[in-house]
């Protein structure tokens, strides 16, 4: 059976190249989009929870957040309940660019699905959602064993 993962990886890399071009003037990378969207959706999210939400290793989250903080997109502060926990908040700078980020994501989706009929679009969304949920369950099961 041919590996569908190669195709998914190609789509992911092309998506990043497209978004990198579109986001260049904002001083953020395509990899930081999910961070900004999640932080904006859940202001005060802990770094650990952010790591779980976007399925990225904690050390990578810390590095990306440092970069975003240096650029003024987010700020972090210690939790009042547990000083060891860092909570992350979006700045006005992030909230200002969020509509543009969402627009770029939408444009990419539309470009990919452009020549498909409604049935094909629906199937792709259903299949990708099923695979995404299955992948998340696999990772959750692995982490439960730790």
Protein backbone atom coordinates (compact mmCIF):
# COMPACT_ATOMS: atom_id res chain seq x y z
CA UNK A 1 0.00 0.00 0.00
CA UNK A 2 1.42 3.40 -0.93
CA UNK A 3 2.24 5.68 1.98
CA UNK A 4 -0.30 8.46 2.25
CA UNK A 5 1.95 10.09 4.87
CA UNK A 6 4.36 11.22 2.16
CA UNK A 7 1.52 13.12 0.53
CA UNK A 8 0.46 14.66 3.84
CA UNK A 9 4.05 15.72 4.50
CA UNK A 10 4.27 17.29 1.05
CA UNK A 11 1.04 19.21 1.68
CA UNK A 12 2.35 20.35 5.07
CA UNK A 13 5.68 21.56 3.64
CA UNK A 14 3.99 23.34 0.73
CA UNK A 15 1.55 24.92 3.15
CA UNK A 16 4.46 26.24 5.21
CA UNK A 17 6.18 27.66 2.13
CA UNK A 18 2.96 29.40 1.07
CA UNK A 19 2.33 30.81 4.54
CA UNK A 20 5.95 31.81 4.99
CA UNK A 21 5.67 33.98 1.89
CA UNK A 22 2.38 35.50 3.04
CA UNK A 23 3.50 36.03 6.65
CA UNK A 24 6.96 37.41 5.94
CA UNK A 25 5.95 41.01 6.65
CA UNK A 26 4.47 40.01 10.04
CA UNK A 27 7.77 38.60 11.37
CA UNK A 28 6.25 35.24 12.27
CA UNK A 29 6.86 31.81 10.85
CA UNK A 30 4.22 29.33 9.70
CA UNK A 31 5.16 27.15 12.68
CA UNK A 32 4.08 29.90 15.06
CA UNK A 33 0.54 30.23 13.68
CA UNK A 34 -0.92 27.45 15.83
CA UNK A 35 0.70 29.01 18.91
CA UNK A 36 -0.83 32.42 18.29
CA UNK A 37 -4.26 31.03 17.45
CA UNK A 38 -4.35 28.85 20.57
CA UNK A 39 -3.02 31.57 22.87
CA UNK A 40 -5.60 34.00 21.51
CA UNK A 41 -8.38 31.46 21.89
CA UNK A 42 -7.29 30.54 25.44
CA UNK A 43 -5.64 33.59 27.04
CA UNK A 44 -3.80 32.52 30.17
CA UNK A 45 -3.18 28.99 28.89
CA UNK A 46 -0.25 27.24 30.55
CA UNK A 47 2.76 26.30 28.46
CA UNK A 48 2.11 22.66 29.31
CA UNK A 49 -1.50 22.80 28.14
CA UNK A 50 -0.45 24.63 24.98
CA UNK A 51 2.04 21.82 24.31
CA UNK A 52 -0.79 19.29 24.61
CA UNK A 53 -3.22 21.33 22.50
CA UNK A 54 -0.89 21.65 19.53
CA UNK A 55 0.95 18.31 19.91
CA UNK A 56 4.41 19.84 20.20
CA UNK A 57 7.15 18.87 22.66
CA UNK A 58 7.44 21.16 25.68
CA UNK A 59 11.00 22.24 24.82
CA UNK A 60 9.89 23.36 21.35
CA UNK A 61 6.99 25.27 22.88
CA UNK A 62 9.35 27.08 25.25
CA UNK A 63 11.66 28.07 22.36
CA UNK A 64 8.85 29.31 20.14
CA UNK A 65 7.27 31.25 22.99
CA UNK A 66 10.60 32.91 23.76
CA UNK A 67 10.82 34.04 20.15
CA UNK A 68 7.22 35.28 20.12
CA UNK A 69 7.76 37.10 23.41
CA UNK A 70 10.91 38.81 22.11
CA UNK A 71 8.93 40.03 19.10
CA UNK A 72 6.10 41.34 21.30
CA UNK A 73 3.40 38.87 20.24
CA UNK A 74 2.84 37.27 23.65
CA UNK A 75 3.71 37.74 27.27
CA UNK A 76 4.12 35.19 30.03
CA UNK A 77 3.58 35.41 33.73
CA UNK A 78 3.69 33.01 36.64
CA UNK A 79 0.42 31.55 37.85
CA UNK A 80 -0.85 32.99 41.12
CA UNK A 81 -1.78 29.46 42.19
CA UNK A 82 1.49 27.70 41.30
CA UNK A 83 4.55 29.90 40.68
CA UNK A 84 6.19 27.10 38.66
CA UNK A 85 3.47 27.35 36.00
CA UNK A 86 3.89 29.92 33.24
CA UNK A 87 0.70 31.31 31.75
CA UNK A 88 0.72 32.73 28.25
CA UNK A 89 -1.29 35.69 26.95
CA UNK A 90 -1.61 37.34 23.54
CA UNK A 91 -0.65 40.98 23.16
CA UNK A 92 -2.56 43.56 21.17
CA UNK A 93 -0.01 42.97 18.42
CA UNK A 94 -1.22 39.37 18.09
CA UNK A 95 -4.88 40.25 18.29
CA UNK A 96 -4.36 42.81 15.54
CA UNK A 97 -2.82 40.30 13.09
CA UNK A 98 -5.05 37.34 13.96
CA UNK A 99 -7.65 38.12 11.25
CA UNK A 100 -4.89 38.19 8.62
CA UNK A 101 -3.50 34.86 9.85
CA UNK A 102 -6.94 33.28 9.67
CA UNK A 103 -7.45 34.73 6.19
CA UNK A 104 -4.15 33.22 4.98
CA UNK A 105 -5.14 29.82 6.41
CA UNK A 106 -8.51 30.06 4.68
CA UNK A 107 -6.90 31.05 1.38
CA UNK A 108 -4.63 28.00 1.51
CA UNK A 109 -7.58 25.69 2.20
CA UNK A 110 -9.55 27.21 -0.66
CA UNK A 111 -6.63 26.88 -3.08
CA UNK A 112 -6.24 23.20 -2.25
CA UNK A 113 -9.93 22.39 -2.53
CA UNK A 114 -10.68 24.73 -5.43
CA UNK A 115 -11.28 22.19 -8.21
CA UNK A 116 -13.11 19.62 -6.11
CA UNK A 117 -16.86 19.22 -6.05
CA UNK A 118 -18.79 19.47 -2.78
CA UNK A 119 -18.90 15.69 -2.29
CA UNK A 120 -15.13 15.39 -2.69
CA UNK A 121 -14.54 18.29 -0.30
CA UNK A 122 -16.81 16.70 2.27
CA UNK A 123 -15.03 13.34 1.95
CA UNK A 124 -11.58 14.88 2.34
CA UNK A 125 -12.67 16.74 5.45
CA UNK A 126 -14.30 13.63 6.92
CA UNK A 127 -11.30 11.39 6.16
CA UNK A 128 -8.77 13.89 7.46
CA UNK A 129 -10.82 14.43 10.63
CA UNK A 130 -11.01 10.67 11.20
CA UNK A 131 -7.25 10.28 10.72
CA UNK A 132 -6.54 13.29 12.94
CA UNK A 133 -8.68 11.90 15.75
CA UNK A 134 -7.05 8.48 15.42
CA UNK A 135 -3.56 10.00 15.51
CA UNK A 136 -4.45 12.00 18.63
CA UNK A 137 -5.75 8.88 20.38
CA UNK A 138 -2.54 7.00 19.55
CA UNK A 139 -0.44 9.80 21.08
CA UNK A 140 -2.71 10.07 24.11
CA UNK A 141 -2.37 6.32 24.69
CA UNK A 142 1.41 6.55 24.46
CA UNK A 143 1.49 9.42 26.98
CA UNK A 144 -0.83 7.57 29.38
CA UNK A 145 1.73 4.76 29.55
CA UNK A 146 4.50 7.19 30.57
